[in-house]
């Protein structure tokens, strides 16, 4: 396989693993970056052990490494989907089971149990998870370590390794534990940096979207203004055409006005005679209205008074005391109006 292709593939894998997926919520950025880096490093560590066990011909431990790599692959996928707690449970279960199996098969002197205290800090780095889950996972690590130290310690390993291999595993595991402890600090620093960077990127994207919305609003207003200007110009053209038509119609109207003046003069004389009759009729109606004003005003005043006191009475008091009086006032008002109309009709017939 060509080297540039391998480099390109490695770059794509790094970009995929380092980018924060959209399924991860902002409050979980911190823990996602920590756990994502941790799962990647531990996966690489298991790949290293896979090669080591292949070289020494330990096929059982090779199978264990393959199962561990599959478990961390699943944990990485769940972590990227936003299921951080499930991924963390799988990872910690794998660490404890792996070390228990390794010590039972190869012996306590190989030092595999020293990785358990190192990973017990992981549940407590997720600040927004349930404390019961944190305590349970931490207790799991503690009990696994104690089981190795005080229970499995006296049991003979399944595979008897040479003194040279036991020393190699003890030394390499001790060095790896110190190395991973240092990597924890690096992981925390990188996670903090990535979390801050991701939040700043989110803020910049939000700011850019707000700016884009403002620009779109400005463009929309400009388009509306241009459309209004076009409409204004069209209306000016229509007004000019209308003015020409108005000038033509003005001459026709003047001719019609001359003819109408003659007709109006005749009609004015007829209206003067009719107005004389109307003056007499109006005087009669005024007298009639003045005469009946009290009959109209008195029931109307009773109705208005009932409307004023309605806010100061309970509904039961209103319907029992005021409502019957309002009905009588309305009937009186209706009777008075009918009387006024009847007398007015008679007056119009008399002077019409």
C-alpha atoms as a PDB file:
ATOM      1  CA  UNK A   1       0.000   0.000   0.000  1.00  0.00           C
ATOM      2  CA  UNK A   2       1.542   3.380  -0.978  1.00  0.00           C
ATOM      3  CA  UNK A   3       2.758   5.579   1.869  1.00  0.00           C
ATOM      4  CA  UNK A   4       0.757   8.721   0.780  1.00  0.00           C
ATOM      5  CA  UNK A   5      -2.422   6.671   0.871  1.00  0.00           C
ATOM      6  CA  UNK A   6      -1.659   5.441   4.397  1.00  0.00           C
ATOM      7  CA  UNK A   7      -0.925   9.002   5.480  1.00  0.00           C
ATOM      8  CA  UNK A   8      -4.164  10.257   3.944  1.00  0.00           C
ATOM      9  CA  UNK A   9      -6.154   7.459   5.610  1.00  0.00           C
ATOM     10  CA  UNK A  10      -4.540   8.191   8.987  1.00  0.00           C
ATOM     11  CA  UNK A  11      -5.388  11.874   8.564  1.00  0.00           C
ATOM     12  CA  UNK A  12      -9.031  11.047   7.879  1.00  0.00           C
ATOM     13  CA  UNK A  13      -9.221   8.767  10.926  1.00  0.00           C
ATOM     14  CA  UNK A  14      -7.670  11.477  13.133  1.00  0.00           C
ATOM     15  CA  UNK A  15     -10.087  14.103  11.804  1.00  0.00           C
ATOM     16  CA  UNK A  16     -13.034  11.760  12.409  1.00  0.00           C
ATOM     17  CA  UNK A  17     -11.997  10.995  15.974  1.00  0.00           C
ATOM     18  CA  UNK A  18     -10.969  14.548  16.917  1.00  0.00           C
ATOM     19  CA  UNK A  19     -14.065  16.329  15.587  1.00  0.00           C
ATOM     20  CA  UNK A  20     -16.982  16.771  18.018  1.00  0.00           C
ATOM     21  CA  UNK A  21     -20.124  15.150  16.511  1.00  0.00           C
ATOM     22  CA  UNK A  22     -23.390  17.076  16.356  1.00  0.00           C
ATOM     23  CA  UNK A  23     -25.025  14.475  18.637  1.00  0.00           C
ATOM     24  CA  UNK A  24     -22.845  15.587  21.575  1.00  0.00           C
ATOM     25  CA  UNK A  25     -24.474  18.304  23.673  1.00  0.00           C
ATOM     26  CA  UNK A  26     -22.481  21.345  24.765  1.00  0.00           C
ATOM     27  CA  UNK A  27     -22.511  20.417  28.517  1.00  0.00           C
ATOM     28  CA  UNK A  28     -20.885  17.065  27.585  1.00  0.00           C
ATOM     29  CA  UNK A  29     -18.029  18.502  25.438  1.00  0.00           C
ATOM     30  CA  UNK A  30     -15.564  18.237  28.314  1.00  0.00           C
ATOM     31  CA  UNK A  31     -16.194  14.572  29.156  1.00  0.00           C
ATOM     32  CA  UNK A  32     -16.557  13.582  25.485  1.00  0.00           C
ATOM     33  CA  UNK A  33     -13.095  14.880  24.644  1.00  0.00           C
ATOM     34  CA  UNK A  34     -11.578  13.191  27.716  1.00  0.00           C
ATOM     35  CA  UNK A  35     -13.232   9.798  27.133  1.00  0.00           C
ATOM     36  CA  UNK A  36     -12.732   9.882  23.359  1.00  0.00           C
ATOM     37  CA  UNK A  37      -8.981  10.393  23.774  1.00  0.00           C
ATOM     38  CA  UNK A  38      -8.827   7.805  26.568  1.00  0.00           C
ATOM     39  CA  UNK A  39     -10.648   5.145  24.508  1.00  0.00           C
ATOM     40  CA  UNK A  40      -8.365   5.816  21.533  1.00  0.00           C
ATOM     41  CA  UNK A  41      -5.187   5.495  23.645  1.00  0.00           C
ATOM     42  CA  UNK A  42      -6.375   2.322  25.375  1.00  0.00           C
ATOM     43  CA  UNK A  43      -7.306   0.812  21.984  1.00  0.00           C
ATOM     44  CA  UNK A  44      -3.761   1.513  20.755  1.00  0.00           C
ATOM     45  CA  UNK A  45      -2.406  -0.077  23.954  1.00  0.00           C
ATOM     46  CA  UNK A  46      -4.401  -3.256  23.280  1.00  0.00           C
ATOM     47  CA  UNK A  47      -3.080  -3.319  19.717  1.00  0.00           C
ATOM     48  CA  UNK A  48       0.435  -3.208  21.223  1.00  0.00           C
ATOM     49  CA  UNK A  49      -0.375  -6.109  23.560  1.00  0.00           C
ATOM     50  CA  UNK A  50      -1.865  -8.013  20.638  1.00  0.00           C
ATOM     51  CA  UNK A  51       1.490  -7.850  18.873  1.00  0.00           C
ATOM     52  CA  UNK A  52       3.377  -8.784  22.069  1.00  0.00           C
ATOM     53  CA  UNK A  53       1.220 -11.858  22.752  1.00  0.00           C
ATOM     54  CA  UNK A  54       1.484 -12.892  19.114  1.00  0.00           C
ATOM     55  CA  UNK A  55       5.259 -12.756  19.386  1.00  0.00           C
ATOM     56  CA  UNK A  56       5.332 -14.959  22.514  1.00  0.00           C
ATOM     57  CA  UNK A  57       2.707 -17.346  21.112  1.00  0.00           C
ATOM     58  CA  UNK A  58       0.036 -16.636  23.771  1.00  0.00           C
ATOM     59  CA  UNK A  59      -3.102 -17.186  21.655  1.00  0.00           C
ATOM     60  CA  UNK A  60      -5.580 -17.002  24.546  1.00  0.00           C
ATOM     61  CA  UNK A  61      -4.455 -13.505  25.479  1.00  0.00           C
ATOM     62  CA  UNK A  62      -4.501 -12.568  21.782  1.00  0.00           C
ATOM     63  CA  UNK A  63      -8.209 -13.462  21.718  1.00  0.00           C
ATOM     64  CA  UNK A  64      -8.745 -11.373  24.880  1.00  0.00           C
ATOM     65  CA  UNK A  65      -7.065  -8.402  23.167  1.00  0.00           C
ATOM     66  CA  UNK A  66      -9.317  -8.764  20.137  1.00  0.00           C
ATOM     67  CA  UNK A  67     -12.408  -8.800  22.378  1.00  0.00           C
ATOM     68  CA  UNK A  68     -11.092  -5.742  24.226  1.00  0.00           C
ATOM     69  CA  UNK A  69     -10.487  -3.864  20.970  1.00  0.00           C
ATOM     70  CA  UNK A  70     -14.070  -4.678  19.887  1.00  0.00           C
ATOM     71  CA  UNK A  71     -15.396  -3.423  23.254  1.00  0.00           C
ATOM     72  CA  UNK A  72     -13.562  -0.114  22.925  1.00  0.00           C
ATOM     73  CA  UNK A  73     -14.698   0.238  19.329  1.00  0.00           C
ATOM     74  CA  UNK A  74     -18.304  -0.099  20.571  1.00  0.00           C
ATOM     75  CA  UNK A  75     -17.620   2.348  23.438  1.00  0.00           C
ATOM     76  CA  UNK A  76     -16.189   4.883  20.968  1.00  0.00           C
ATOM     77  CA  UNK A  77     -19.274   4.627  18.735  1.00  0.00           C
ATOM     78  CA  UNK A  78     -21.656   5.035  21.686  1.00  0.00           C
ATOM     79  CA  UNK A  79     -19.618   7.963  22.971  1.00  0.00           C
ATOM     80  CA  UNK A  80     -19.882   9.715  19.580  1.00  0.00           C
ATOM     81  CA  UNK A  81     -23.651   9.106  19.550  1.00  0.00           C
ATOM     82  CA  UNK A  82     -23.979  10.953  22.873  1.00  0.00           C
ATOM     83  CA  UNK A  83     -24.455   7.824  25.055  1.00  0.00           C
ATOM     84  CA  UNK A  84     -21.500   8.694  27.304  1.00  0.00           C
ATOM     85  CA  UNK A  85     -22.602   6.755  30.381  1.00  0.00           C
ATOM     86  CA  UNK A  86     -23.167   3.482  28.465  1.00  0.00           C
ATOM     87  CA  UNK A  87     -19.805   3.871  26.762  1.00  0.00           C
ATOM     88  CA  UNK A  88     -18.111   4.508  30.113  1.00  0.00           C
ATOM     89  CA  UNK A  89     -19.727   1.420  31.675  1.00  0.00           C
ATOM     90  CA  UNK A  90     -18.528  -0.767  28.783  1.00  0.00           C
ATOM     91  CA  UNK A  91     -14.992   0.642  29.017  1.00  0.00           C
ATOM     92  CA  UNK A  92     -14.656   0.162  32.773  1.00  0.00           C
ATOM     93  CA  UNK A  93     -16.200  -3.310  32.666  1.00  0.00           C
ATOM     94  CA  UNK A  94     -13.662  -4.242  29.997  1.00  0.00           C
ATOM     95  CA  UNK A  95     -10.721  -2.934  32.064  1.00  0.00           C
ATOM     96  CA  UNK A  96     -11.732  -4.854  35.183  1.00  0.00           C
ATOM     97  CA  UNK A  97     -12.574  -8.092  33.357  1.00  0.00           C
ATOM     98  CA  UNK A  98      -9.425  -7.856  31.230  1.00  0.00           C
ATOM     99  CA  UNK A  99      -7.129  -7.441  34.206  1.00  0.00           C
ATOM    100  CA  UNK A 100      -8.852 -10.200  36.159  1.00  0.00           C
ATOM    101  CA  UNK A 101      -8.469 -12.609  33.216  1.00  0.00           C
ATOM    102  CA  UNK A 102      -4.854 -11.531  32.620  1.00  0.00           C
ATOM    103  CA  UNK A 103      -3.896 -12.103  36.276  1.00  0.00           C
ATOM    104  CA  UNK A 104      -5.718 -15.441  36.436  1.00  0.00           C
ATOM    105  CA  UNK A 105      -4.001 -16.655  33.253  1.00  0.00           C
ATOM    106  CA  UNK A 106      -0.535 -15.131  33.666  1.00  0.00           C
ATOM    107  CA  UNK A 107      -0.210 -14.471  37.397  1.00  0.00           C
ATOM    108  CA  UNK A 108      -0.279 -11.470  39.711  1.00  0.00           C
ATOM    109  CA  UNK A 109       3.439 -10.811  39.307  1.00  0.00           C
ATOM    110  CA  UNK A 110       2.857  -9.608  35.718  1.00  0.00           C
ATOM    111  CA  UNK A 111       1.362  -6.363  37.133  1.00  0.00           C
ATOM    112  CA  UNK A 112      -1.771  -6.120  34.958  1.00  0.00           C
ATOM    113  CA  UNK A 113      -3.869  -5.242  38.027  1.00  0.00           C
ATOM    114  CA  UNK A 114      -2.082  -1.881  38.330  1.00  0.00           C
ATOM    115  CA  UNK A 115      -4.183  -0.496  35.464  1.00  0.00           C
ATOM    116  CA  UNK A 116      -7.401  -0.729  37.539  1.00  0.00           C
ATOM    117  CA  UNK A 117      -6.666   2.159  39.970  1.00  0.00           C
ATOM    118  CA  UNK A 118      -5.518   4.223  37.007  1.00  0.00           C
ATOM    119  CA  UNK A 119      -8.910   4.098  35.219  1.00  0.00           C
ATOM    120  CA  UNK A 120     -11.047   4.407  38.378  1.00  0.00           C
ATOM    121  CA  UNK A 121     -10.887   8.204  38.012  1.00  0.00           C
ATOM    122  CA  UNK A 122     -12.854   8.160  34.734  1.00  0.00           C
ATOM    123  CA  UNK A 123     -16.433   8.052  36.201  1.00  0.00           C
ATOM    124  CA  UNK A 124     -15.736  11.067  38.412  1.00  0.00           C
ATOM    125  CA  UNK A 125     -14.624  13.221  35.464  1.00  0.00           C
ATOM    126  CA  UNK A 126     -18.214  13.333  34.189  1.00  0.00           C
ATOM    127  CA  UNK A 127     -19.541  16.042  36.493  1.00  0.00           C
ATOM    128  CA  UNK A 128     -23.165  15.941  35.268  1.00  0.00           C
ATOM    129  CA  UNK A 129     -23.796  12.183  35.636  1.00  0.00           C
ATOM    130  CA  UNK A 130     -25.603  10.355  38.410  1.00  0.00           C
ATOM    131  CA  UNK A 131     -23.553   9.915  41.603  1.00  0.00           C
ATOM    132  CA  UNK A 132     -24.925   6.425  42.094  1.00  0.00           C
ATOM    133  CA  UNK A 133     -23.418   5.369  38.758  1.00  0.00           C
ATOM    134  CA  UNK A 134     -20.113   7.021  39.664  1.00  0.00           C
ATOM    135  CA  UNK A 135     -19.972   5.307  43.051  1.00  0.00           C
ATOM    136  CA  UNK A 136     -20.939   1.940  41.537  1.00  0.00           C
ATOM    137  CA  UNK A 137     -18.231   2.066  38.876  1.00  0.00           C
ATOM    138  CA  UNK A 138     -15.649   3.266  41.395  1.00  0.00           C
ATOM    139  CA  UNK A 139     -16.624   0.429  43.755  1.00  0.00           C
ATOM    140  CA  UNK A 140     -16.324  -2.054  40.887  1.00  0.00           C
ATOM    141  CA  UNK A 141     -12.709  -0.968  40.330  1.00  0.00           C
ATOM    142  CA  UNK A 142     -11.973  -1.180  44.064  1.00  0.00           C
ATOM    143  CA  UNK A 143     -13.470  -4.675  44.491  1.00  0.00           C
ATOM    144  CA  UNK A 144     -11.716  -5.959  41.362  1.00  0.00           C
ATOM    145  CA  UNK A 145      -8.368  -4.727  42.622  1.00  0.00           C
ATOM    146  CA  UNK A 146      -8.939  -6.185  46.102  1.00  0.00           C
ATOM    147  CA  UNK A 147     -10.052  -9.508  44.585  1.00  0.00           C
ATOM    148  CA  UNK A 148      -6.782  -9.723  42.666  1.00  0.00           C
ATOM    149  CA  UNK A 149      -4.669  -8.737  45.678  1.00  0.00           C
ATOM    150  CA  UNK A 150      -6.310 -10.996  48.287  1.00  0.00           C
ATOM    151  CA  UNK A 151      -8.169 -13.766  46.417  1.00  0.00           C
ATOM    152  CA  UNK A 152      -6.413 -14.515  43.131  1.00  0.00           C
ATOM    153  CA  UNK A 153      -2.994 -13.848  44.675  1.00  0.00           C
ATOM    154  CA  UNK A 154      -2.840 -17.308  46.214  1.00  0.00           C
ATOM    155  CA  UNK A 155      -4.095 -19.151  43.100  1.00  0.00           C
ATOM    156  CA  UNK A 156      -1.570 -20.547  40.643  1.00  0.00           C
ATOM    157  CA  UNK A 157      -1.763 -19.016  37.131  1.00  0.00           C
ATOM    158  CA  UNK A 158      -3.072 -21.089  34.228  1.00  0.00           C
ATOM    159  CA  UNK A 159       0.012 -20.432  32.105  1.00  0.00           C
ATOM    160  CA  UNK A 160       3.431 -20.651  33.705  1.00  0.00           C
ATOM    161  CA  UNK A 161       5.658 -17.998  32.127  1.00  0.00           C
ATOM    162  CA  UNK A 162       9.405 -17.871  32.308  1.00  0.00           C
ATOM    163  CA  UNK A 163      11.036 -15.598  34.835  1.00  0.00           C
ATOM    164  CA  UNK A 164      12.209 -13.424  31.963  1.00  0.00           C
ATOM    165  CA  UNK A 165       8.675 -12.904  30.586  1.00  0.00           C
ATOM    166  CA  UNK A 166       7.255 -12.227  34.060  1.00  0.00           C
ATOM    167  CA  UNK A 167       9.924  -9.579  34.624  1.00  0.00           C
ATOM    168  CA  UNK A 168       9.191  -8.104  31.194  1.00  0.00           C
ATOM    169  CA  UNK A 169       5.449  -7.837  31.905  1.00  0.00           C
ATOM    170  CA  UNK A 170       6.012  -6.415  35.385  1.00  0.00           C
ATOM    171  CA  UNK A 171       8.466  -3.811  34.102  1.00  0.00           C
ATOM    172  CA  UNK A 172       6.473  -2.897  30.981  1.00  0.00           C
ATOM    173  CA  UNK A 173       3.161  -2.672  32.880  1.00  0.00           C
ATOM    174  CA  UNK A 174       4.765  -0.498  35.553  1.00  0.00           C
ATOM    175  CA  UNK A 175       6.231   1.809  32.912  1.00  0.00           C
ATOM    176  CA  UNK A 176       2.908   1.894  31.028  1.00  0.00           C
ATOM    177  CA  UNK A 177       1.023   2.789  34.220  1.00  0.00           C
ATOM    178  CA  UNK A 178       3.295   5.758  34.838  1.00  0.00           C
ATOM    179  CA  UNK A 179       3.114   6.650  31.157  1.00  0.00           C
ATOM    180  CA  UNK A 180      -0.707   6.481  31.161  1.00  0.00           C
ATOM    181  CA  UNK A 181      -0.853   8.534  34.362  1.00  0.00           C
ATOM    182  CA  UNK A 182       1.157  11.230  32.571  1.00  0.00           C
ATOM    183  CA  UNK A 183      -1.130  10.861  29.571  1.00  0.00           C
ATOM    184  CA  UNK A 184      -4.120  11.534  31.837  1.00  0.00           C
ATOM    185  CA  UNK A 185      -2.723  15.028  32.410  1.00  0.00           C
ATOM    186  CA  UNK A 186      -2.135  15.461  28.688  1.00  0.00           C
ATOM    187  CA  UNK A 187      -5.649  14.191  27.942  1.00  0.00           C
ATOM    188  CA  UNK A 188      -7.189  16.618  30.445  1.00  0.00           C
ATOM    189  CA  UNK A 189      -5.252  19.536  28.953  1.00  0.00           C
ATOM    190  CA  UNK A 190      -6.129  18.576  25.376  1.00  0.00           C
ATOM    191  CA  UNK A 191      -9.755  17.996  26.352  1.00  0.00           C
ATOM    192  CA  UNK A 192      -9.958  21.427  27.940  1.00  0.00           C
ATOM    193  CA  UNK A 193      -8.412  22.999  24.853  1.00  0.00           C
ATOM    194  CA  UNK A 194     -10.761  21.158  22.499  1.00  0.00           C
ATOM    195  CA  UNK A 195     -13.783  21.954  24.649  1.00  0.00           C
ATOM    196  CA  UNK A 196     -12.960  25.662  24.662  1.00  0.00           C
ATOM    197  CA  UNK A 197     -12.282  25.547  20.930  1.00  0.00           C
ATOM    198  CA  UNK A 198     -15.566  23.781  20.205  1.00  0.00           C
ATOM    199  CA  UNK A 199     -17.539  26.255  22.321  1.00  0.00           C
ATOM    200  CA  UNK A 200     -15.814  29.193  20.612  1.00  0.00           C
ATOM    201  CA  UNK A 201     -16.615  27.664  17.238  1.00  0.00           C
ATOM    202  CA  UNK A 202     -20.255  27.273  18.242  1.00  0.00           C
ATOM    203  CA  UNK A 203     -20.342  30.899  19.368  1.00  0.00           C
ATOM    204  CA  UNK A 204     -18.755  32.046  16.106  1.00  0.00           C
ATOM    205  CA  UNK A 205     -21.266  30.006  14.099  1.00  0.00           C
ATOM    206  CA  UNK A 206     -24.120  31.529  16.095  1.00  0.00           C
ATOM    207  CA  UNK A 207     -22.702  35.028  15.558  1.00  0.00           C
ATOM    208  CA  UNK A 208     -22.290  34.343  11.821  1.00  0.00           C
ATOM    209  CA  UNK A 209     -25.869  33.057  11.556  1.00  0.00           C
ATOM    210  CA  UNK A 210     -27.179  36.153  13.350  1.00  0.00           C
ATOM    211  CA  UNK A 211     -25.174  38.380  10.983  1.00  0.00           C
ATOM    212  CA  UNK A 212     -26.496  36.443   7.990  1.00  0.00           C
ATOM    213  CA  UNK A 213     -30.053  36.904   9.270  1.00  0.00           C
ATOM    214  CA  UNK A 214     -29.469  40.646   9.693  1.00  0.00           C
ATOM    215  CA  UNK A 215     -28.055  40.930   6.171  1.00  0.00           C
ATOM    216  CA  UNK A 216     -30.973  38.959   4.778  1.00  0.00           C
ATOM    217  CA  UNK A 217     -33.374  41.313   6.570  1.00  0.00           C
ATOM    218  CA  UNK A 218     -31.548  44.360   5.144  1.00  0.00           C
ATOM    219  CA  UNK A 219     -31.689  42.884   1.619  1.00  0.00           C
ATOM    220  CA  UNK A 220     -35.381  42.181   2.047  1.00  0.00           C
ATOM    221  CA  UNK A 221     -36.017  45.774   3.108  1.00  0.00           C
ATOM    222  CA  UNK A 222     -34.022  47.049   0.114  1.00  0.00           C
ATOM    223  CA  UNK A 223     -36.061  44.862  -2.223  1.00  0.00           C
ATOM    224  CA  UNK A 224     -39.274  46.174  -0.684  1.00  0.00           C
ATOM    225  CA  UNK A 225     -38.041  49.750  -1.096  1.00  0.00           C
ATOM    226  CA  UNK A 226     -37.112  49.156  -4.759  1.00  0.00           C
ATOM    227  CA  UNK A 227     -40.503  47.623  -5.387  1.00  0.00           C
ATOM    228  CA  UNK A 228     -42.209  50.617  -3.752  1.00  0.00           C
ATOM    229  CA  UNK A 229     -40.162  52.973  -5.973  1.00  0.00           C
ATOM    230  CA  UNK A 230     -41.264  51.065  -9.071  1.00  0.00           C
ATOM    231  CA  UNK A 231     -44.877  51.257  -7.948  1.00  0.00           C
ATOM    232  CA  UNK A 232     -44.482  54.994  -7.282  1.00  0.00           C
ATOM    233  CA  UNK A 233     -43.113  55.574 -10.800  1.00  0.00           C
ATOM    234  CA  UNK A 234     -45.946  53.596 -12.349  1.00  0.00           C
ATOM    235  CA  UNK A 235     -48.459  55.630 -10.380  1.00  0.00           C
ATOM    236  CA  UNK A 236     -46.861  58.875 -11.594  1.00  0.00           C
ATOM    237  CA  UNK A 237     -47.313  57.731 -15.182  1.00  0.00           C
ATOM    238  CA  UNK A 238     -50.924  56.827 -14.458  1.00  0.00           C
ATOM    239  CA  UNK A 239     -51.509  60.254 -12.842  1.00  0.00           C
ATOM    240  CA  UNK A 240     -50.106  62.052 -15.894  1.00  0.00           C
ATOM    241  CA  UNK A 241     -52.460  60.138 -18.186  1.00  0.00           C
ATOM    242  CA  UNK A 242     -55.309  60.841 -15.794  1.00  0.00           C
ATOM    243  CA  UNK A 243     -54.560  64.611 -15.856  1.00  0.00           C
ATOM    244  CA  UNK A 244     -54.868  64.639 -19.640  1.00  0.00           C
ATOM    245  CA  UNK A 245     -58.219  62.918 -19.420  1.00  0.00           C
ATOM    246  CA  UNK A 246     -59.325  65.338 -16.689  1.00  0.00           C
ATOM    247  CA  UNK A 247     -58.583  68.358 -18.890  1.00  0.00           C
ATOM    248  CA  UNK A 248     -60.704  66.879 -21.665  1.00  0.00           C
ATOM    249  CA  UNK A 249     -63.531  66.142 -19.294  1.00  0.00           C
ATOM    250  CA  UNK A 250     -63.323  69.594 -17.722  1.00  0.00           C
ATOM    251  CA  UNK A 251     -64.679  71.287 -20.861  1.00  0.00           C
ATOM    252  CA  UNK A 252     -67.532  68.834 -21.020  1.00  0.00           C
ATOM    253  CA  UNK A 253     -68.315  69.439 -17.347  1.00  0.00           C
ATOM    254  CA  UNK A 254     -68.394  73.222 -17.837  1.00  0.00           C
ATOM    255  CA  UNK A 255     -70.960  72.812 -20.564  1.00  0.00           C
ATOM    256  CA  UNK A 256     -73.038  70.576 -18.379  1.00  0.00           C
ATOM    257  CA  UNK A 257     -72.745  73.025 -15.462  1.00  0.00           C
ATOM    258  CA  UNK A 258     -74.259  75.799 -17.617  1.00  0.00           C
ATOM    259  CA  UNK A 259     -77.224  73.622 -18.415  1.00  0.00           C
ATOM    260  CA  UNK A 260     -77.584  72.567 -14.816  1.00  0.00           C
ATOM    261  CA  UNK A 261     -77.646  76.152 -13.563  1.00  0.00           C
ATOM    262  CA  UNK A 262     -80.902  76.716 -15.375  1.00  0.00           C
ATOM    263  CA  UNK A 263     -82.383  73.556 -13.959  1.00  0.00           C
ATOM    264  CA  UNK A 264     -81.113  74.403 -10.466  1.00  0.00           C
ATOM    265  CA  UNK A 265     -82.733  77.837 -10.604  1.00  0.00           C
ATOM    266  CA  UNK A 266     -86.067  76.219 -11.291  1.00  0.00           C
ATOM    267  CA  UNK A 267     -85.599  73.630  -8.625  1.00  0.00           C
ATOM    268  CA  UNK A 268     -84.570  76.275  -6.093  1.00  0.00           C
ATOM    269  CA  UNK A 269     -87.898  77.981  -6.440  1.00  0.00           C
ATOM    270  CA  UNK A 270     -89.707  74.702  -5.882  1.00  0.00           C
ATOM    271  CA  UNK A 271     -87.528  73.936  -2.855  1.00  0.00           C
ATOM    272  CA  UNK A 272     -88.257  77.305  -1.299  1.00  0.00           C
ATOM    273  CA  UNK A 273     -91.938  76.499  -1.341  1.00  0.00           C
ATOM    274  CA  UNK A 274     -91.278  73.065   0.132  1.00  0.00           C
ATOM    275  CA  UNK A 275     -89.018  74.551   2.827  1.00  0.00           C
ATOM    276  CA  UNK A 276     -91.833  76.801   3.996  1.00  0.00           C
ATOM    277  CA  UNK A 277     -93.935  73.731   4.649  1.00  0.00           C
ATOM    278  CA  UNK A 278     -91.038  72.012   6.361  1.00  0.00           C
ATOM    279  CA  UNK A 279     -90.470  74.955   8.709  1.00  0.00           C
ATOM    280  CA  UNK A 280     -94.008  74.669   9.979  1.00  0.00           C
ATOM    281  CA  UNK A 281     -93.650  70.905  10.328  1.00  0.00           C
ATOM    282  CA  UNK A 282     -90.338  71.269  12.195  1.00  0.00           C
ATOM    283  CA  UNK A 283     -91.775  73.697  14.656  1.00  0.00           C
ATOM    284  CA  UNK A 284     -94.519  71.229  15.389  1.00  0.00           C
ATOM    285  CA  UNK A 285     -92.053  68.391  15.804  1.00  0.00           C
ATOM    286  CA  UNK A 286     -89.838  70.472  18.138  1.00  0.00           C
ATOM    287  CA  UNK A 287     -92.801  71.178  20.333  1.00  0.00           C
ATOM    288  CA  UNK A 288     -93.671  67.493  20.277  1.00  0.00           C
ATOM    289  CA  UNK A 289     -90.108  66.419  21.221  1.00  0.00           C
ATOM    290  CA  UNK A 290     -89.895  68.935  24.049  1.00  0.00           C
ATOM    291  CA  UNK A 291     -93.214  67.724  25.312  1.00  0.00           C
ATOM    292  CA  UNK A 292     -92.142  64.049  25.343  1.00  0.00           C
ATOM    293  CA  UNK A 293     -88.477  64.557  26.426  1.00  0.00           C
ATOM    294  CA  UNK A 294     -89.314  63.782  30.038  1.00  0.00           C
ATOM    295  CA  UNK A 295     -91.069  60.552  29.054  1.00  0.00           C
ATOM    296  CA  UNK A 296     -87.920  59.375  27.214  1.00  0.00           C
ATOM    297  CA  UNK A 297     -85.317  60.660  29.672  1.00  0.00           C
ATOM    298  CA  UNK A 298     -86.901  59.265  32.819  1.00  0.00           C
ATOM    299  CA  UNK A 299     -86.805  55.474  31.914  1.00  0.00           C
ATOM    300  CA  UNK A 300     -83.405  55.948  30.273  1.00  0.00           C
ATOM    301  CA  UNK A 301     -82.029  57.441  33.520  1.00  0.00           C
ATOM    302  CA  UNK A 302     -83.339  54.429  35.438  1.00  0.00           C
ATOM    303  CA  UNK A 303     -81.538  52.042  33.058  1.00  0.00           C
ATOM    304  CA  UNK A 304     -78.261  53.988  33.331  1.00  0.00           C
ATOM    305  CA  UNK A 305     -78.492  54.020  37.122  1.00  0.00           C
ATOM    306  CA  UNK A 306     -78.944  50.231  37.157  1.00  0.00           C
ATOM    307  CA  UNK A 307     -75.834  49.868  34.984  1.00  0.00           C
ATOM    308  CA  UNK A 308     -73.811  51.933  37.454  1.00  0.00           C
ATOM    309  CA  UNK A 309     -74.731  49.913  40.551  1.00  0.00           C
ATOM    310  CA  UNK A 310     -74.192  46.513  38.892  1.00  0.00           C
ATOM    311  CA  UNK A 311     -70.482  46.561  39.860  1.00  0.00           C
ATOM    312  CA  UNK A 312     -71.333  47.109  43.542  1.00  0.00           C
ATOM    313  CA  UNK A 313     -73.888  44.304  43.923  1.00  0.00           C
ATOM    314  CA  UNK A 314     -73.746  40.542  43.829  1.00  0.00           C
ATOM    315  CA  UNK A 315     -75.395  38.776  40.852  1.00  0.00           C
ATOM    316  CA  UNK A 316     -78.192  37.480  43.131  1.00  0.00           C
ATOM    317  CA  UNK A 317     -79.027  40.942  44.455  1.00  0.00           C
ATOM    318  CA  UNK A 318     -78.916  42.428  40.977  1.00  0.00           C
ATOM    319  CA  UNK A 319     -81.295  39.900  39.426  1.00  0.00           C
ATOM    320  CA  UNK A 320     -83.676  39.989  42.371  1.00  0.00           C
ATOM    321  CA  UNK A 321     -83.870  43.790  42.897  1.00  0.00           C
ATOM    322  CA  UNK A 322     -82.597  45.726  39.886  1.00  0.00           C
ATOM    323  CA  UNK A 323     -83.381  43.464  36.920  1.00  0.00           C
ATOM    324  CA  UNK A 324     -87.232  43.737  37.252  1.00  0.00           C
ATOM    325  CA  UNK A 325     -86.913  47.559  37.458  1.00  0.00           C
ATOM    326  CA  UNK A 326     -84.748  47.586  34.347  1.00  0.00           C
ATOM    327  CA  UNK A 327     -87.388  45.556  32.485  1.00  0.00           C
ATOM    328  CA  UNK A 328     -90.099  48.022  33.498  1.00  0.00           C
ATOM    329  CA  UNK A 329     -87.881  50.958  32.478  1.00  0.00           C
ATOM    330  CA  UNK A 330     -87.239  49.399  29.073  1.00  0.00           C
ATOM    331  CA  UNK A 331     -90.981  48.868  28.526  1.00  0.00           C
ATOM    332  CA  UNK A 332     -91.679  52.502  29.533  1.00  0.00           C
ATOM    333  CA  UNK A 333     -88.959  53.731  27.150  1.00  0.00           C
ATOM    334  CA  UNK A 334     -90.399  51.630  24.303  1.00  0.00           C
ATOM    335  CA  UNK A 335     -93.891  52.986  24.921  1.00  0.00           C
ATOM    336  CA  UNK A 336     -92.652  56.602  24.937  1.00  0.00           C
ATOM    337  CA  UNK A 337     -90.720  56.094  21.681  1.00  0.00           C
ATOM    338  CA  UNK A 338     -93.773  54.589  19.989  1.00  0.00           C
ATOM    339  CA  UNK A 339     -95.879  57.590  21.104  1.00  0.00           C
ATOM    340  CA  UNK A 340     -93.344  60.036  19.696  1.00  0.00           C
ATOM    341  CA  UNK A 341     -93.214  58.155  16.358  1.00  0.00           C
ATOM    342  CA  UNK A 342     -97.006  58.025  16.059  1.00  0.00           C
ATOM    343  CA  UNK A 343     -97.432  61.744  16.709  1.00  0.00           C
ATOM    344  CA  UNK A 344     -94.530  62.575  14.349  1.00  0.00           C
ATOM    345  CA  UNK A 345     -96.113  60.546  11.535  1.00  0.00           C
ATOM    346  CA  UNK A 346     -99.389  62.379  12.033  1.00  0.00           C
ATOM    347  CA  UNK A 347     -97.600  65.737  11.899  1.00  0.00           C
ATOM    348  CA  UNK A 348     -95.757  64.819   8.675  1.00  0.00           C
ATOM    349  CA  UNK A 349     -99.007  63.711   7.050  1.00  0.00           C
ATOM    350  CA  UNK A 350    -100.627  66.960   8.090  1.00  0.00           C
ATOM    351  CA  UNK A 351     -97.863  69.226   6.706  1.00  0.00           C
ATOM    352  CA  UNK A 352     -96.562  66.959   3.978  1.00  0.00           C
END
